[in-house]
C-alpha atoms as a PDB file:
ATOM      1  CA  MET A   1     -81.944  67.112 -52.752  1.00  0.00           C
ATOM      2  CA  ALA A   2     -80.388  64.357 -54.775  1.00  0.00           C
ATOM      3  CA  MET A   3     -77.427  62.428 -53.393  1.00  0.00           C
ATOM      4  CA  SER A   4     -74.406  61.886 -55.518  1.00  0.00           C
ATOM      5  CA  LEU A   5     -73.390  58.381 -56.489  1.00  0.00           C
ATOM      6  CA  THR A   6     -70.161  58.830 -54.521  1.00  0.00           C
ATOM      7  CA  MET A   7     -72.085  59.653 -51.331  1.00  0.00           C
ATOM      8  CA  ILE A   8     -74.371  56.667 -51.753  1.00  0.00           C
ATOM      9  CA  LEU A   9     -71.410  54.327 -52.304  1.00  0.00           C
ATOM     10  CA  ALA A  10     -69.597  55.757 -49.269  1.00  0.00           C
ATOM     11  CA  MET A  11     -72.660  55.212 -47.048  1.00  0.00           C
ATOM     12  CA  ALA A  12     -73.088  51.668 -48.356  1.00  0.00           C
ATOM     13  CA  ALA A  13     -69.427  50.894 -47.643  1.00  0.00           C
ATOM     14  CA  GLN A  14     -69.768  52.158 -44.059  1.00  0.00           C
ATOM     15  CA  ALA A  15     -72.882  50.060 -43.497  1.00  0.00           C
ATOM     16  CA  ALA A  16     -71.131  46.950 -44.830  1.00  0.00           C
ATOM     17  CA  VAL A  17     -68.211  47.327 -42.420  1.00  0.00           C
ATOM     18  CA  VAL A  18     -69.997  46.274 -39.238  1.00  0.00           C
ATOM     19  CA  ASP A  19     -67.465  45.184 -36.664  1.00  0.00           C
ATOM     20  CA  PRO A  20     -69.187  42.667 -34.385  1.00  0.00           C
ATOM     21  CA  GLN A  21     -68.222  42.933 -30.759  1.00  0.00           C
ATOM     22  CA  THR A  22     -65.801  40.174 -29.955  1.00  0.00           C
ATOM     23  CA  ALA A  23     -64.700  38.641 -26.700  1.00  0.00           C
ATOM     24  CA  ASP A  24     -61.664  36.869 -25.322  1.00  0.00           C
ATOM     25  CA  LEU A  25     -62.641  34.288 -22.707  1.00  0.00           C
ATOM     26  CA  THR A  26     -60.079  32.760 -20.360  1.00  0.00           C
ATOM     27  CA  VAL A  27     -61.160  29.574 -18.597  1.00  0.00           C
ATOM     28  CA  ALA A  28     -59.278  28.521 -15.475  1.00  0.00           C
ATOM     29  CA  VAL A  29     -59.512  24.771 -14.902  1.00  0.00           C
ATOM     30  CA  SER A  30     -59.352  23.662 -11.275  1.00  0.00           C
ATOM     31  CA  ASN A  31     -59.354  20.325  -9.441  1.00  0.00           C
ATOM     32  CA  VAL A  32     -57.553  18.408 -12.208  1.00  0.00           C
ATOM     33  CA  ARG A  33     -56.721  14.988 -10.743  1.00  0.00           C
ATOM     34  CA  ASN A  34     -53.322  14.561 -12.410  1.00  0.00           C
ATOM     35  CA  ALA A  35     -51.101  15.861 -15.211  1.00  0.00           C
ATOM     36  CA  LYS A  36     -51.759  12.906 -17.543  1.00  0.00           C
ATOM     37  CA  GLY A  37     -53.257  13.597 -20.933  1.00  0.00           C
ATOM     38  CA  VAL A  38     -55.139  16.689 -22.059  1.00  0.00           C
ATOM     39  CA  ILE A  39     -58.208  18.796 -21.314  1.00  0.00           C
ATOM     40  CA  HIS A  40     -60.664  19.067 -24.215  1.00  0.00           C
ATOM     41  CA  ALA A  41     -63.018  22.040 -24.212  1.00  0.00           C
ATOM     42  CA  CYS A  42     -66.064  22.817 -26.291  1.00  0.00           C
ATOM     43  CA  LEU A  43     -67.852  26.185 -26.414  1.00  0.00           C
ATOM     44  CA  THR A  44     -71.302  26.308 -28.018  1.00  0.00           C
ATOM     45  CA  ARG A  45     -74.212  28.711 -28.347  1.00  0.00           C
ATOM     46  CA  ASN A  46     -76.605  26.033 -29.587  1.00  0.00           C
ATOM     47  CA  PRO A  47     -78.555  23.933 -27.040  1.00  0.00           C
ATOM     48  CA  LYS A  48     -79.134  21.239 -29.691  1.00  0.00           C
ATOM     49  CA  HIS A  49     -75.406  20.508 -29.762  1.00  0.00           C
ATOM     50  CA  PHE A  50     -74.818  20.495 -26.011  1.00  0.00           C
ATOM     51  CA  PRO A  51     -72.964  18.921 -24.222  1.00  0.00           C
ATOM     52  CA  ASP A  52     -70.528  17.487 -26.781  1.00  0.00           C
ATOM     53  CA  CYS A  53     -70.813  20.054 -29.627  1.00  0.00           C
ATOM     54  CA  ARG A  54     -71.107  17.175 -32.090  1.00  0.00           C
ATOM     55  CA  GLY A  55     -72.362  18.441 -35.428  1.00  0.00           C
ATOM     56  CA  ASP A  56     -72.144  22.113 -34.437  1.00  0.00           C
ATOM     57  CA  PRO A  57     -70.280  23.937 -37.209  1.00  0.00           C
ATOM     58  CA  LEU A  58     -70.075  27.079 -35.067  1.00  0.00           C
ATOM     59  CA  ALA A  59     -68.694  25.402 -31.932  1.00  0.00           C
ATOM     60  CA  VAL A  60     -65.256  26.468 -30.794  1.00  0.00           C
ATOM     61  CA  ARG A  61     -62.954  23.755 -29.484  1.00  0.00           C
ATOM     62  CA  SER A  62     -59.682  23.916 -27.603  1.00  0.00           C
ATOM     63  CA  THR A  63     -57.273  21.319 -26.243  1.00  0.00           C
ATOM     64  CA  VAL A  64     -54.538  22.003 -23.697  1.00  0.00           C
ATOM     65  CA  ALA A  65     -52.157  19.901 -21.610  1.00  0.00           C
ATOM     66  CA  ALA A  66     -53.815  18.648 -18.424  1.00  0.00           C
ATOM     67  CA  ASN A  67     -51.405  20.681 -16.311  1.00  0.00           C
ATOM     68  CA  ALA A  68     -51.867  23.931 -18.298  1.00  0.00           C
ATOM     69  CA  GLY A  69     -54.345  25.378 -15.787  1.00  0.00           C
ATOM     70  CA  THR A  70     -56.072  27.661 -18.306  1.00  0.00           C
ATOM     71  CA  LEU A  71     -57.379  27.726 -21.830  1.00  0.00           C
ATOM     72  CA  ARG A  72     -58.463  30.626 -24.004  1.00  0.00           C
ATOM     73  CA  PHE A  73     -61.149  31.291 -26.560  1.00  0.00           C
ATOM     74  CA  LYS A  74     -60.075  34.349 -28.556  1.00  0.00           C
ATOM     75  CA  ALA A  75     -62.112  36.684 -30.776  1.00  0.00           C
ATOM     76  CA  ILE A  76     -65.452  34.941 -30.258  1.00  0.00           C
ATOM     77  CA  PRO A  77     -68.698  36.875 -30.711  1.00  0.00           C
ATOM     78  CA  ALA A  78     -70.012  38.223 -27.404  1.00  0.00           C
ATOM     79  CA  GLY A  79     -73.128  36.374 -26.237  1.00  0.00           C
ATOM     80  CA  ALA A  80     -74.503  33.391 -24.342  1.00  0.00           C
ATOM     81  CA  TYR A  81     -72.531  30.132 -24.328  1.00  0.00           C
ATOM     82  CA  ALA A  82     -72.162  26.805 -22.562  1.00  0.00           C
ATOM     83  CA  ILE A  83     -68.751  25.218 -21.987  1.00  0.00           C
ATOM     84  CA  THR A  84     -68.026  21.523 -21.590  1.00  0.00           C
ATOM     85  CA  LEU A  85     -64.629  20.178 -20.502  1.00  0.00           C
ATOM     86  CA  PHE A  86     -63.290  16.687 -20.083  1.00  0.00           C
ATOM     87  CA  HIS A  87     -59.951  15.344 -18.878  1.00  0.00           C
ATOM     88  CA  ASP A  88     -58.786  12.879 -21.523  1.00  0.00           C
ATOM     89  CA  GLU A  89     -56.199  11.108 -19.373  1.00  0.00           C
ATOM     90  CA  ASN A  90     -55.383   8.442 -21.978  1.00  0.00           C
ATOM     91  CA  ARG A  91     -55.607  10.797 -24.993  1.00  0.00           C
ATOM     92  CA  ASN A  92     -58.117   8.668 -26.886  1.00  0.00           C
ATOM     93  CA  GLN A  93     -60.255  11.711 -27.864  1.00  0.00           C
ATOM     94  CA  ARG A  94     -63.351  10.599 -25.929  1.00  0.00           C
ATOM     95  CA  LEU A  95     -64.776  10.582 -22.418  1.00  0.00           C
ATOM     96  CA  ASP A  96     -64.329   7.012 -21.200  1.00  0.00           C
ATOM     97  CA  MET A  97     -67.320   5.482 -19.423  1.00  0.00           C
ATOM     98  CA  MET A  98     -67.910   2.466 -17.196  1.00  0.00           C
ATOM     99  CA  MET A  99     -71.518   1.308 -16.950  1.00  0.00           C
ATOM    100  CA  GLY A 100     -72.695   4.786 -17.940  1.00  0.00           C
ATOM    101  CA  ILE A 101     -70.483   6.573 -15.392  1.00  0.00           C
ATOM    102  CA  PRO A 102     -67.615   8.759 -16.615  1.00  0.00           C
ATOM    103  CA  ARG A 103     -64.192   7.303 -15.746  1.00  0.00           C
ATOM    104  CA  GLU A 104     -62.457  10.575 -16.583  1.00  0.00           C
ATOM    105  CA  GLY A 105     -63.033  14.073 -15.245  1.00  0.00           C
ATOM    106  CA  PHE A 106     -65.537  16.518 -16.677  1.00  0.00           C
ATOM    107  CA  GLY A 107     -66.779  20.027 -16.002  1.00  0.00           C
ATOM    108  CA  PHE A 108     -69.324  22.586 -17.176  1.00  0.00           C
ATOM    109  CA  SER A 109     -69.585  26.347 -17.146  1.00  0.00           C
ATOM    110  CA  GLY A 110     -71.299  27.529 -13.981  1.00  0.00           C
ATOM    111  CA  ASN A 111     -70.100  24.413 -12.105  1.00  0.00           C
ATOM    112  CA  PRO A 112     -73.529  22.818 -11.610  1.00  0.00           C
ATOM    113  CA  ARG A 113     -74.043  19.965  -9.196  1.00  0.00           C
ATOM    114  CA  ILE A 114     -74.141  16.768 -11.244  1.00  0.00           C
ATOM    115  CA  ARG A 115     -76.628  14.088 -10.271  1.00  0.00           C
ATOM    116  CA  PHE A 116     -77.599  11.863 -13.201  1.00  0.00           C
ATOM    117  CA  GLY A 117     -76.395  12.805 -16.668  1.00  0.00           C
ATOM    118  CA  ALA A 118     -75.265  16.086 -18.110  1.00  0.00           C
ATOM    119  CA  PRO A 119     -76.983  19.286 -16.991  1.00  0.00           C
ATOM    120  CA  LYS A 120     -79.392  21.134 -19.255  1.00  0.00           C
ATOM    121  CA  PHE A 121     -77.995  23.881 -21.489  1.00  0.00           C
ATOM    122  CA  ARG A 122     -79.912  26.564 -19.594  1.00  0.00           C
ATOM    123  CA  GLN A 123     -78.276  25.467 -16.321  1.00  0.00           C
ATOM    124  CA  VAL A 124     -74.766  26.117 -17.611  1.00  0.00           C
ATOM    125  CA  THR A 125     -75.288  29.112 -19.903  1.00  0.00           C
ATOM    126  CA  ILE A 126     -72.955  32.013 -19.224  1.00  0.00           C
ATOM    127  CA  ARG A 127     -72.885  35.522 -20.711  1.00  0.00           C
ATOM    128  CA  VAL A 128     -69.608  36.389 -22.367  1.00  0.00           C
ATOM    129  CA  PRO A 129     -69.364  40.176 -22.736  1.00  0.00           C
ATOM    130  CA  ALA A 130     -67.301  41.995 -25.340  1.00  0.00           C
ATOM    131  CA  GLY A 131     -63.698  42.432 -24.257  1.00  0.00           C
ATOM    132  CA  GLU A 132     -61.884  40.165 -21.841  1.00  0.00           C
ATOM    133  CA  SER A 133     -63.586  37.961 -19.272  1.00  0.00           C
ATOM    134  CA  GLY A 134     -62.929  34.845 -17.258  1.00  0.00           C
ATOM    135  CA  GLN A 135     -64.626  31.732 -15.966  1.00  0.00           C
ATOM    136  CA  THR A 136     -63.419  29.015 -13.590  1.00  0.00           C
ATOM    137  CA  ILE A 137     -64.560  25.451 -14.186  1.00  0.00           C
ATOM    138  CA  ARG A 138     -64.003  22.805 -11.527  1.00  0.00           C
ATOM    139  CA  MET A 139     -63.309  19.307 -12.841  1.00  0.00           C
ATOM    140  CA  GLN A 140     -65.395  16.535 -11.291  1.00  0.00           C
ATOM    141  CA  TYR A 141     -64.453  12.869 -11.052  1.00  0.00           C
ATOM    142  CA  LEU A 142     -66.978  10.154 -10.227  1.00  0.00           C
ATOM    143  CA  LEU A 143     -64.652   7.146 -10.419  1.00  0.00           C
END
């Protein structure tokens, strides 16, 4: 049985309209030392661009006031991600360091214990399901 051209075009149009499952992720930020400055957040799926998302064209970034308490990533594809936060108290757009030790607060998804350096991507990977979900990240200050 031969299909009509109209049927073939209709089936092709349906196949082309694939609605990927999206997610809205709310991140609660706890243990912020003070209300100075802003919290910068970076969400990435690529271990090569973790922890700072530098050079990742697909990374999602967000900046909120330090006293905001939460930040949101809306309409992101569901999947595995790592989140990095830092408290930019002086608003200079970078994590200030002193002798290799962060002078400003930082945090990662999963709240790993920090010893020396940033954790590995696999240690902080979280699953973000379709729909709404949440994550709490505790800021850490070493100095």
